[in-house]
């Protein structure tokens, strides 16, 4: 199996984290072609992609409250964010579902964007922002809020409590708040706040990610209607609804766990190292 086929397989079966990383990398490559100015050595993102603080710009392009979280203004900016995204999502998906992860990513990006625009508008500063840092910080803060004492093994350091890692990142943000990239630090801290609130709502029975899941399902069903038969029997179930559970926290399904294990095996030893049963399992899931 060549590299391209391996990448396609990982995108298809690797879960939402892999897809978000692919989207971020893809957007970065696109921005290199269209928005990088070699004469000045910097990106010049248009107002319809980056989030701007000028009301005449973000009101004309409200989708930028989300699109800004998929573009980055430098290679190392992208690399660092993707490393932290992979790390934090791995921990988050140990306890929660992929739909909850995607919902948190989108909602925290929007929330952080609103705080950034509101803060800069109040300070009468015109600026713009790109980067997935706020959404990633929300994911890290969410899993830290849920399992602060989880042991995380770090290279050259050993086992460290998760809340230590998150605390160090937050402290660094606060220390640099007035030195440089103030807008970026505002969005990082806003993302962290949203991640904390997201878990507290979830523990009390309110899953905020359902807002995003509902929107995605609506458009998915809308585009799938054309392939369905116009005549369909409807069976109504008049049984009493199940009582609402107090907590909406659920764990990911076993199928995704098996897929993750197989993809880890592929990344370490290649596709040929899979057993016949594992290859058949991937074939069935990929249908």
C-alpha atoms as a PDB file:
ATOM      1  CA  UNK A   1       0.000   0.000   0.000  1.00  0.00           C
ATOM      2  CA  UNK A   2       1.463   3.355  -1.041  1.00  0.00           C
ATOM      3  CA  UNK A   3       1.498   6.516   1.033  1.00  0.00           C
ATOM      4  CA  UNK A   4      -1.504   8.110  -0.687  1.00  0.00           C
ATOM      5  CA  UNK A   5      -3.694   5.062  -0.104  1.00  0.00           C
ATOM      6  CA  UNK A   6      -2.537   4.908   3.504  1.00  0.00           C
ATOM      7  CA  UNK A   7      -3.484   8.563   4.015  1.00  0.00           C
ATOM      8  CA  UNK A   8      -6.894   7.993   2.422  1.00  0.00           C
ATOM      9  CA  UNK A   9      -7.511   5.011   4.685  1.00  0.00           C
ATOM     10  CA  UNK A  10      -6.496   6.930   7.798  1.00  0.00           C
ATOM     11  CA  UNK A  11      -8.751   9.832   6.794  1.00  0.00           C
ATOM     12  CA  UNK A  12     -11.692   7.502   6.232  1.00  0.00           C
ATOM     13  CA  UNK A  13     -11.292   5.343   9.318  1.00  0.00           C
ATOM     14  CA  UNK A  14      -9.123   7.418  11.629  1.00  0.00           C
ATOM     15  CA  UNK A  15     -11.895   9.310  13.357  1.00  0.00           C
ATOM     16  CA  UNK A  16     -12.686  12.979  13.744  1.00  0.00           C
ATOM     17  CA  UNK A  17      -9.245  13.956  15.061  1.00  0.00           C
ATOM     18  CA  UNK A  18      -7.485  12.780  11.916  1.00  0.00           C
ATOM     19  CA  UNK A  19     -10.016  14.615   9.767  1.00  0.00           C
ATOM     20  CA  UNK A  20      -9.600  17.868  11.671  1.00  0.00           C
ATOM     21  CA  UNK A  21      -5.829  17.599  11.297  1.00  0.00           C
ATOM     22  CA  UNK A  22      -6.231  16.938   7.560  1.00  0.00           C
ATOM     23  CA  UNK A  23      -8.541  19.949   7.220  1.00  0.00           C
ATOM     24  CA  UNK A  24      -6.143  22.222   9.097  1.00  0.00           C
ATOM     25  CA  UNK A  25      -3.150  21.062   7.057  1.00  0.00           C
ATOM     26  CA  UNK A  26      -5.148  21.368   3.827  1.00  0.00           C
ATOM     27  CA  UNK A  27      -6.219  24.923   4.676  1.00  0.00           C
ATOM     28  CA  UNK A  28      -2.615  25.815   5.474  1.00  0.00           C
ATOM     29  CA  UNK A  29      -1.429  24.519   2.087  1.00  0.00           C
ATOM     30  CA  UNK A  30      -4.182  26.485   0.350  1.00  0.00           C
ATOM     31  CA  UNK A  31      -3.207  29.646   2.236  1.00  0.00           C
ATOM     32  CA  UNK A  32       0.431  29.155   1.231  1.00  0.00           C
ATOM     33  CA  UNK A  33      -0.601  29.246  -2.429  1.00  0.00           C
ATOM     34  CA  UNK A  34      -3.094  32.118  -2.302  1.00  0.00           C
ATOM     35  CA  UNK A  35      -2.416  34.262   0.767  1.00  0.00           C
ATOM     36  CA  UNK A  36       1.310  34.125   1.494  1.00  0.00           C
ATOM     37  CA  UNK A  37       3.238  37.241   0.469  1.00  0.00           C
ATOM     38  CA  UNK A  38       6.832  36.221  -0.171  1.00  0.00           C
ATOM     39  CA  UNK A  39       8.003  39.833  -0.496  1.00  0.00           C
ATOM     40  CA  UNK A  40       7.137  40.504   3.155  1.00  0.00           C
ATOM     41  CA  UNK A  41       7.389  36.919   4.438  1.00  0.00           C
ATOM     42  CA  UNK A  42       3.927  36.854   5.991  1.00  0.00           C
ATOM     43  CA  UNK A  43       0.348  35.808   5.353  1.00  0.00           C
ATOM     44  CA  UNK A  44      -2.301  38.275   4.296  1.00  0.00           C
ATOM     45  CA  UNK A  45      -5.639  36.589   4.986  1.00  0.00           C
ATOM     46  CA  UNK A  46      -8.761  38.178   3.455  1.00  0.00           C
ATOM     47  CA  UNK A  47     -11.612  39.334   5.685  1.00  0.00           C
ATOM     48  CA  UNK A  48     -13.840  36.484   4.476  1.00  0.00           C
ATOM     49  CA  UNK A  49     -11.507  33.851   6.032  1.00  0.00           C
ATOM     50  CA  UNK A  50      -9.773  35.445   9.024  1.00  0.00           C
ATOM     51  CA  UNK A  51     -11.867  36.852  11.859  1.00  0.00           C
ATOM     52  CA  UNK A  52     -11.662  40.645  11.866  1.00  0.00           C
ATOM     53  CA  UNK A  53     -12.703  43.001  14.669  1.00  0.00           C
ATOM     54  CA  UNK A  54     -14.182  45.591  12.318  1.00  0.00           C
ATOM     55  CA  UNK A  55     -18.002  45.157  12.437  1.00  0.00           C
ATOM     56  CA  UNK A  56     -18.333  46.014   8.750  1.00  0.00           C
ATOM     57  CA  UNK A  57     -16.190  42.947   8.005  1.00  0.00           C
ATOM     58  CA  UNK A  58     -17.339  40.232  10.426  1.00  0.00           C
ATOM     59  CA  UNK A  59     -21.022  41.152   9.988  1.00  0.00           C
ATOM     60  CA  UNK A  60     -20.598  40.793   6.226  1.00  0.00           C
ATOM     61  CA  UNK A  61     -18.835  37.427   6.694  1.00  0.00           C
ATOM     62  CA  UNK A  62     -20.235  35.852   9.906  1.00  0.00           C
ATOM     63  CA  UNK A  63     -18.860  32.419   8.955  1.00  0.00           C
ATOM     64  CA  UNK A  64     -15.395  33.715   9.869  1.00  0.00           C
ATOM     65  CA  UNK A  65     -16.268  33.035  13.518  1.00  0.00           C
ATOM     66  CA  UNK A  66     -15.561  29.422  12.541  1.00  0.00           C
ATOM     67  CA  UNK A  67     -13.284  29.504   9.488  1.00  0.00           C
ATOM     68  CA  UNK A  68     -10.536  31.382  11.345  1.00  0.00           C
ATOM     69  CA  UNK A  69     -10.009  28.232  13.448  1.00  0.00           C
ATOM     70  CA  UNK A  70      -8.795  26.258  10.403  1.00  0.00           C
ATOM     71  CA  UNK A  71      -6.068  28.632   9.187  1.00  0.00           C
ATOM     72  CA  UNK A  72      -2.633  29.374  10.659  1.00  0.00           C
ATOM     73  CA  UNK A  73      -0.150  32.171  10.087  1.00  0.00           C
ATOM     74  CA  UNK A  74       2.984  30.038  10.100  1.00  0.00           C
ATOM     75  CA  UNK A  75       4.360  26.517   9.808  1.00  0.00           C
ATOM     76  CA  UNK A  76       5.342  26.183  13.473  1.00  0.00           C
ATOM     77  CA  UNK A  77       2.027  27.682  14.544  1.00  0.00           C
ATOM     78  CA  UNK A  78       0.340  24.846  12.659  1.00  0.00           C
ATOM     79  CA  UNK A  79       2.707  22.109  13.883  1.00  0.00           C
ATOM     80  CA  UNK A  80       2.413  23.048  17.565  1.00  0.00           C
ATOM     81  CA  UNK A  81      -1.370  23.279  17.367  1.00  0.00           C
ATOM     82  CA  UNK A  82      -1.703  19.915  15.624  1.00  0.00           C
ATOM     83  CA  UNK A  83       0.534  18.220  18.211  1.00  0.00           C
ATOM     84  CA  UNK A  84      -1.563  19.601  21.069  1.00  0.00           C
ATOM     85  CA  UNK A  85      -4.776  18.785  19.174  1.00  0.00           C
ATOM     86  CA  UNK A  86      -3.719  15.158  18.748  1.00  0.00           C
ATOM     87  CA  UNK A  87      -2.682  14.936  22.412  1.00  0.00           C
ATOM     88  CA  UNK A  88      -5.789  16.564  23.892  1.00  0.00           C
ATOM     89  CA  UNK A  89      -8.252  14.793  21.587  1.00  0.00           C
ATOM     90  CA  UNK A  90      -6.741  11.398  22.448  1.00  0.00           C
ATOM     91  CA  UNK A  91      -7.465  12.090  26.126  1.00  0.00           C
ATOM     92  CA  UNK A  92     -10.902  13.594  25.458  1.00  0.00           C
ATOM     93  CA  UNK A  93     -12.060  10.680  23.287  1.00  0.00           C
ATOM     94  CA  UNK A  94     -11.153   8.259  26.067  1.00  0.00           C
ATOM     95  CA  UNK A  95     -14.263   9.452  27.898  1.00  0.00           C
ATOM     96  CA  UNK A  96     -16.484  11.169  25.338  1.00  0.00           C
ATOM     97  CA  UNK A  97     -17.839  10.644  21.833  1.00  0.00           C
ATOM     98  CA  UNK A  98     -16.622  12.027  18.521  1.00  0.00           C
ATOM     99  CA  UNK A  99     -19.813  14.076  18.140  1.00  0.00           C
ATOM    100  CA  UNK A 100     -19.154  15.716  21.498  1.00  0.00           C
ATOM    101  CA  UNK A 101     -15.563  16.394  20.459  1.00  0.00           C
ATOM    102  CA  UNK A 102     -16.595  18.030  17.175  1.00  0.00           C
ATOM    103  CA  UNK A 103     -19.335  20.029  18.872  1.00  0.00           C
ATOM    104  CA  UNK A 104     -16.917  21.300  21.507  1.00  0.00           C
ATOM    105  CA  UNK A 105     -14.332  22.217  18.846  1.00  0.00           C
ATOM    106  CA  UNK A 106     -16.823  24.270  16.811  1.00  0.00           C
ATOM    107  CA  UNK A 107     -18.677  25.901  19.699  1.00  0.00           C
ATOM    108  CA  UNK A 108     -15.502  26.900  21.551  1.00  0.00           C
ATOM    109  CA  UNK A 109     -14.052  28.440  18.380  1.00  0.00           C
ATOM    110  CA  UNK A 110     -17.222  30.507  17.934  1.00  0.00           C
ATOM    111  CA  UNK A 111     -17.303  31.522  21.602  1.00  0.00           C
ATOM    112  CA  UNK A 112     -13.626  32.532  21.626  1.00  0.00           C
ATOM    113  CA  UNK A 113     -14.156  34.479  18.411  1.00  0.00           C
ATOM    114  CA  UNK A 114     -17.040  36.406  19.976  1.00  0.00           C
ATOM    115  CA  UNK A 115     -14.967  37.246  23.061  1.00  0.00           C
ATOM    116  CA  UNK A 116     -12.026  38.328  20.891  1.00  0.00           C
ATOM    117  CA  UNK A 117     -14.181  40.614  18.720  1.00  0.00           C
ATOM    118  CA  UNK A 118     -16.024  42.031  21.742  1.00  0.00           C
ATOM    119  CA  UNK A 119     -12.790  42.735  23.636  1.00  0.00           C
ATOM    120  CA  UNK A 120     -11.050  44.446  20.739  1.00  0.00           C
ATOM    121  CA  UNK A 121     -14.168  46.424  19.844  1.00  0.00           C
ATOM    122  CA  UNK A 122     -14.348  47.668  23.450  1.00  0.00           C
ATOM    123  CA  UNK A 123     -10.637  48.609  23.306  1.00  0.00           C
ATOM    124  CA  UNK A 124     -11.195  50.263  19.908  1.00  0.00           C
ATOM    125  CA  UNK A 125      -8.482  48.136  18.280  1.00  0.00           C
ATOM    126  CA  UNK A 126      -8.723  46.891  14.707  1.00  0.00           C
ATOM    127  CA  UNK A 127      -7.108  43.536  14.156  1.00  0.00           C
ATOM    128  CA  UNK A 128      -7.647  39.977  12.939  1.00  0.00           C
ATOM    129  CA  UNK A 129      -7.045  36.448  14.135  1.00  0.00           C
ATOM    130  CA  UNK A 130      -6.480  32.935  12.764  1.00  0.00           C
ATOM    131  CA  UNK A 131      -5.606  29.637  14.428  1.00  0.00           C
ATOM    132  CA  UNK A 132      -7.134  26.599  16.110  1.00  0.00           C
ATOM    133  CA  UNK A 133      -5.557  27.342  19.500  1.00  0.00           C
ATOM    134  CA  UNK A 134      -8.781  28.417  21.232  1.00  0.00           C
ATOM    135  CA  UNK A 135     -10.690  25.294  20.177  1.00  0.00           C
ATOM    136  CA  UNK A 136      -7.762  23.049  21.127  1.00  0.00           C
ATOM    137  CA  UNK A 137      -7.445  24.740  24.507  1.00  0.00           C
ATOM    138  CA  UNK A 138     -11.148  24.091  25.086  1.00  0.00           C
ATOM    139  CA  UNK A 139     -10.670  20.365  24.440  1.00  0.00           C
ATOM    140  CA  UNK A 140      -7.682  20.193  26.785  1.00  0.00           C
ATOM    141  CA  UNK A 141      -9.487  22.150  29.506  1.00  0.00           C
ATOM    142  CA  UNK A 142     -12.614  20.011  29.143  1.00  0.00           C
ATOM    143  CA  UNK A 143     -10.831  16.716  29.745  1.00  0.00           C
ATOM    144  CA  UNK A 144      -8.779  18.317  32.551  1.00  0.00           C
ATOM    145  CA  UNK A 145     -11.999  19.448  34.234  1.00  0.00           C
ATOM    146  CA  UNK A 146     -13.402  15.929  33.981  1.00  0.00           C
ATOM    147  CA  UNK A 147     -10.242  14.024  34.976  1.00  0.00           C
ATOM    148  CA  UNK A 148      -7.736  16.488  36.533  1.00  0.00           C
ATOM    149  CA  UNK A 149      -5.720  13.750  38.288  1.00  0.00           C
ATOM    150  CA  UNK A 150      -5.165  11.626  35.179  1.00  0.00           C
ATOM    151  CA  UNK A 151      -1.526  10.586  34.828  1.00  0.00           C
ATOM    152  CA  UNK A 152       0.065  11.590  31.507  1.00  0.00           C
ATOM    153  CA  UNK A 153       3.480  10.221  30.551  1.00  0.00           C
ATOM    154  CA  UNK A 154       5.742  12.877  29.039  1.00  0.00           C
ATOM    155  CA  UNK A 155       9.023  12.240  27.254  1.00  0.00           C
ATOM    156  CA  UNK A 156      12.075  12.861  29.480  1.00  0.00           C
ATOM    157  CA  UNK A 157       9.823  13.802  32.402  1.00  0.00           C
ATOM    158  CA  UNK A 158       7.681  10.768  33.204  1.00  0.00           C
ATOM    159  CA  UNK A 159       4.206  10.709  34.703  1.00  0.00           C
ATOM    160  CA  UNK A 160       2.596  14.095  35.287  1.00  0.00           C
ATOM    161  CA  UNK A 161      -0.903  14.966  36.457  1.00  0.00           C
ATOM    162  CA  UNK A 162      -2.977  16.370  33.610  1.00  0.00           C
ATOM    163  CA  UNK A 163      -3.972  19.468  35.542  1.00  0.00           C
ATOM    164  CA  UNK A 164      -0.274  20.404  35.920  1.00  0.00           C
ATOM    165  CA  UNK A 165       0.122  20.527  32.121  1.00  0.00           C
ATOM    166  CA  UNK A 166      -3.026  22.580  31.625  1.00  0.00           C
ATOM    167  CA  UNK A 167      -2.098  24.941  34.460  1.00  0.00           C
ATOM    168  CA  UNK A 168       1.354  25.616  32.967  1.00  0.00           C
ATOM    169  CA  UNK A 169      -0.179  26.462  29.570  1.00  0.00           C
ATOM    170  CA  UNK A 170      -2.730  28.805  31.161  1.00  0.00           C
ATOM    171  CA  UNK A 171      -0.073  30.524  33.272  1.00  0.00           C
ATOM    172  CA  UNK A 172       2.106  31.081  30.201  1.00  0.00           C
ATOM    173  CA  UNK A 173      -0.868  32.657  28.436  1.00  0.00           C
ATOM    174  CA  UNK A 174      -1.507  34.970  31.378  1.00  0.00           C
ATOM    175  CA  UNK A 175       2.179  35.951  31.622  1.00  0.00           C
ATOM    176  CA  UNK A 176       2.294  36.931  27.937  1.00  0.00           C
ATOM    177  CA  UNK A 177      -1.125  38.576  27.933  1.00  0.00           C
ATOM    178  CA  UNK A 178       0.132  42.164  27.592  1.00  0.00           C
ATOM    179  CA  UNK A 179       3.454  41.411  25.901  1.00  0.00           C
ATOM    180  CA  UNK A 180       2.478  40.132  22.442  1.00  0.00           C
ATOM    181  CA  UNK A 181      -0.408  38.560  20.534  1.00  0.00           C
ATOM    182  CA  UNK A 182      -2.945  39.812  23.069  1.00  0.00           C
ATOM    183  CA  UNK A 183      -5.831  38.771  20.836  1.00  0.00           C
ATOM    184  CA  UNK A 184      -4.485  35.235  20.622  1.00  0.00           C
ATOM    185  CA  UNK A 185      -4.173  34.953  24.388  1.00  0.00           C
ATOM    186  CA  UNK A 186      -7.693  36.310  24.843  1.00  0.00           C
ATOM    187  CA  UNK A 187      -9.018  33.588  22.547  1.00  0.00           C
ATOM    188  CA  UNK A 188      -6.941  30.870  24.286  1.00  0.00           C
ATOM    189  CA  UNK A 189      -8.311  31.782  27.706  1.00  0.00           C
ATOM    190  CA  UNK A 190     -11.831  32.086  26.317  1.00  0.00           C
ATOM    191  CA  UNK A 191     -11.529  28.601  24.858  1.00  0.00           C
ATOM    192  CA  UNK A 192     -10.383  27.275  28.239  1.00  0.00           C
ATOM    193  CA  UNK A 193     -13.378  28.874  29.949  1.00  0.00           C
ATOM    194  CA  UNK A 194     -15.733  27.318  27.418  1.00  0.00           C
ATOM    195  CA  UNK A 195     -14.161  23.875  27.873  1.00  0.00           C
ATOM    196  CA  UNK A 196     -14.754  24.120  31.632  1.00  0.00           C
ATOM    197  CA  UNK A 197     -18.361  25.256  31.170  1.00  0.00           C
ATOM    198  CA  UNK A 198     -18.995  22.539  28.563  1.00  0.00           C
ATOM    199  CA  UNK A 199     -18.120  19.758  31.031  1.00  0.00           C
ATOM    200  CA  UNK A 200     -20.104  21.322  33.876  1.00  0.00           C
ATOM    201  CA  UNK A 201     -23.180  21.510  31.642  1.00  0.00           C
ATOM    202  CA  UNK A 202     -22.578  17.924  30.522  1.00  0.00           C
ATOM    203  CA  UNK A 203     -22.351  16.663  34.096  1.00  0.00           C
ATOM    204  CA  UNK A 204     -25.664  18.395  34.851  1.00  0.00           C
ATOM    205  CA  UNK A 205     -27.439  16.724  31.930  1.00  0.00           C
ATOM    206  CA  UNK A 206     -27.057  19.335  29.159  1.00  0.00           C
ATOM    207  CA  UNK A 207     -25.010  18.353  26.120  1.00  0.00           C
ATOM    208  CA  UNK A 208     -24.133  21.593  24.328  1.00  0.00           C
ATOM    209  CA  UNK A 209     -22.599  19.643  21.440  1.00  0.00           C
ATOM    210  CA  UNK A 210     -26.107  18.616  20.337  1.00  0.00           C
ATOM    211  CA  UNK A 211     -26.460  22.068  18.788  1.00  0.00           C
ATOM    212  CA  UNK A 212     -23.704  21.257  16.281  1.00  0.00           C
ATOM    213  CA  UNK A 213     -24.837  17.639  15.857  1.00  0.00           C
ATOM    214  CA  UNK A 214     -28.355  18.841  15.073  1.00  0.00           C
ATOM    215  CA  UNK A 215     -27.125  21.272  12.413  1.00  0.00           C
ATOM    216  CA  UNK A 216     -24.900  18.626  10.797  1.00  0.00           C
ATOM    217  CA  UNK A 217     -27.690  16.026  10.856  1.00  0.00           C
ATOM    218  CA  UNK A 218     -30.116  18.527   9.320  1.00  0.00           C
ATOM    219  CA  UNK A 219     -27.899  19.203   6.312  1.00  0.00           C
ATOM    220  CA  UNK A 220     -26.932  15.530   6.011  1.00  0.00           C
ATOM    221  CA  UNK A 221     -30.584  14.497   5.875  1.00  0.00           C
ATOM    222  CA  UNK A 222     -31.357  17.364   3.509  1.00  0.00           C
ATOM    223  CA  UNK A 223     -28.789  16.203   0.947  1.00  0.00           C
ATOM    224  CA  UNK A 224     -29.717  12.551   1.392  1.00  0.00           C
ATOM    225  CA  UNK A 225     -33.408  13.090   0.658  1.00  0.00           C
ATOM    226  CA  UNK A 226     -32.897  12.919  -3.094  1.00  0.00           C
ATOM    227  CA  UNK A 227     -31.591   9.345  -2.838  1.00  0.00           C
ATOM    228  CA  UNK A 228     -34.544   8.130  -0.776  1.00  0.00           C
ATOM    229  CA  UNK A 229     -37.857   6.841  -2.071  1.00  0.00           C
ATOM    230  CA  UNK A 230     -40.669   9.411  -1.894  1.00  0.00           C
ATOM    231  CA  UNK A 231     -43.032   6.743  -0.519  1.00  0.00           C
ATOM    232  CA  UNK A 232     -42.191   5.421   2.880  1.00  0.00           C
ATOM    233  CA  UNK A 233     -44.120   3.760   5.675  1.00  0.00           C
ATOM    234  CA  UNK A 234     -43.957   5.497   9.002  1.00  0.00           C
ATOM    235  CA  UNK A 235     -44.208   3.388  12.130  1.00  0.00           C
ATOM    236  CA  UNK A 236     -45.046   5.371  15.234  1.00  0.00           C
ATOM    237  CA  UNK A 237     -43.959   4.199  18.626  1.00  0.00           C
ATOM    238  CA  UNK A 238     -46.455   5.126  21.316  1.00  0.00           C
ATOM    239  CA  UNK A 239     -44.511   3.599  24.181  1.00  0.00           C
ATOM    240  CA  UNK A 240     -43.555   5.853  27.045  1.00  0.00           C
ATOM    241  CA  UNK A 241     -40.225   7.667  26.619  1.00  0.00           C
ATOM    242  CA  UNK A 242     -37.309   6.632  28.758  1.00  0.00           C
ATOM    243  CA  UNK A 243     -36.605   8.924  31.714  1.00  0.00           C
ATOM    244  CA  UNK A 244     -33.894  11.495  31.099  1.00  0.00           C
ATOM    245  CA  UNK A 245     -30.537  10.654  32.610  1.00  0.00           C
ATOM    246  CA  UNK A 246     -28.909  13.217  34.824  1.00  0.00           C
ATOM    247  CA  UNK A 247     -25.602  13.117  32.993  1.00  0.00           C
ATOM    248  CA  UNK A 248     -25.005  13.143  29.242  1.00  0.00           C
ATOM    249  CA  UNK A 249     -21.473  11.802  29.516  1.00  0.00           C
ATOM    250  CA  UNK A 250     -21.015   8.658  27.450  1.00  0.00           C
ATOM    251  CA  UNK A 251     -17.999   6.717  26.328  1.00  0.00           C
ATOM    252  CA  UNK A 252     -16.986   6.064  22.752  1.00  0.00           C
ATOM    253  CA  UNK A 253     -18.110   2.798  21.126  1.00  0.00           C
ATOM    254  CA  UNK A 254     -16.031  -0.384  20.876  1.00  0.00           C
ATOM    255  CA  UNK A 255     -15.890  -0.255  17.063  1.00  0.00           C
ATOM    256  CA  UNK A 256     -13.999   3.045  17.118  1.00  0.00           C
ATOM    257  CA  UNK A 257     -11.608   1.674  19.736  1.00  0.00           C
ATOM    258  CA  UNK A 258     -10.837  -1.297  17.476  1.00  0.00           C
ATOM    259  CA  UNK A 259     -10.328   1.028  14.496  1.00  0.00           C
ATOM    260  CA  UNK A 260      -7.912   3.182  16.540  1.00  0.00           C
ATOM    261  CA  UNK A 261      -5.899   0.114  17.554  1.00  0.00           C
ATOM    262  CA  UNK A 262      -5.668  -1.116  13.948  1.00  0.00           C
ATOM    263  CA  UNK A 263      -4.593   2.323  12.668  1.00  0.00           C
ATOM    264  CA  UNK A 264      -1.914   2.490  15.349  1.00  0.00           C
ATOM    265  CA  UNK A 265      -0.662  -0.878  14.141  1.00  0.00           C
ATOM    266  CA  UNK A 266      -0.630   0.385  10.527  1.00  0.00           C
ATOM    267  CA  UNK A 267       1.331   3.517  11.491  1.00  0.00           C
ATOM    268  CA  UNK A 268       3.940   1.428  13.321  1.00  0.00           C
ATOM    269  CA  UNK A 269       4.312  -1.654  11.098  1.00  0.00           C
ATOM    270  CA  UNK A 270       2.437  -0.920   7.865  1.00  0.00           C
ATOM    271  CA  UNK A 271      -0.727  -2.324   6.329  1.00  0.00           C
ATOM    272  CA  UNK A 272       0.859  -5.705   5.556  1.00  0.00           C
ATOM    273  CA  UNK A 273       1.314  -6.412   9.261  1.00  0.00           C
ATOM    274  CA  UNK A 274      -2.464  -6.715   9.759  1.00  0.00           C
ATOM    275  CA  UNK A 275      -4.013 -10.122  10.215  1.00  0.00           C
ATOM    276  CA  UNK A 276      -6.627 -11.447   7.818  1.00  0.00           C
ATOM    277  CA  UNK A 277      -9.364 -10.763  10.385  1.00  0.00           C
ATOM    278  CA  UNK A 278      -8.207  -7.147  10.874  1.00  0.00           C
ATOM    279  CA  UNK A 279      -8.177  -6.501   7.115  1.00  0.00           C
ATOM    280  CA  UNK A 280     -11.670  -7.968   6.792  1.00  0.00           C
ATOM    281  CA  UNK A 281     -12.842  -5.794   9.680  1.00  0.00           C
ATOM    282  CA  UNK A 282     -11.519  -2.617   7.988  1.00  0.00           C
ATOM    283  CA  UNK A 283     -13.170  -3.661   4.752  1.00  0.00           C
ATOM    284  CA  UNK A 284     -16.546  -4.104   6.459  1.00  0.00           C
ATOM    285  CA  UNK A 285     -16.322  -0.794   8.339  1.00  0.00           C
ATOM    286  CA  UNK A 286     -15.168   1.080   5.238  1.00  0.00           C
ATOM    287  CA  UNK A 287     -18.199   0.025   3.177  1.00  0.00           C
END
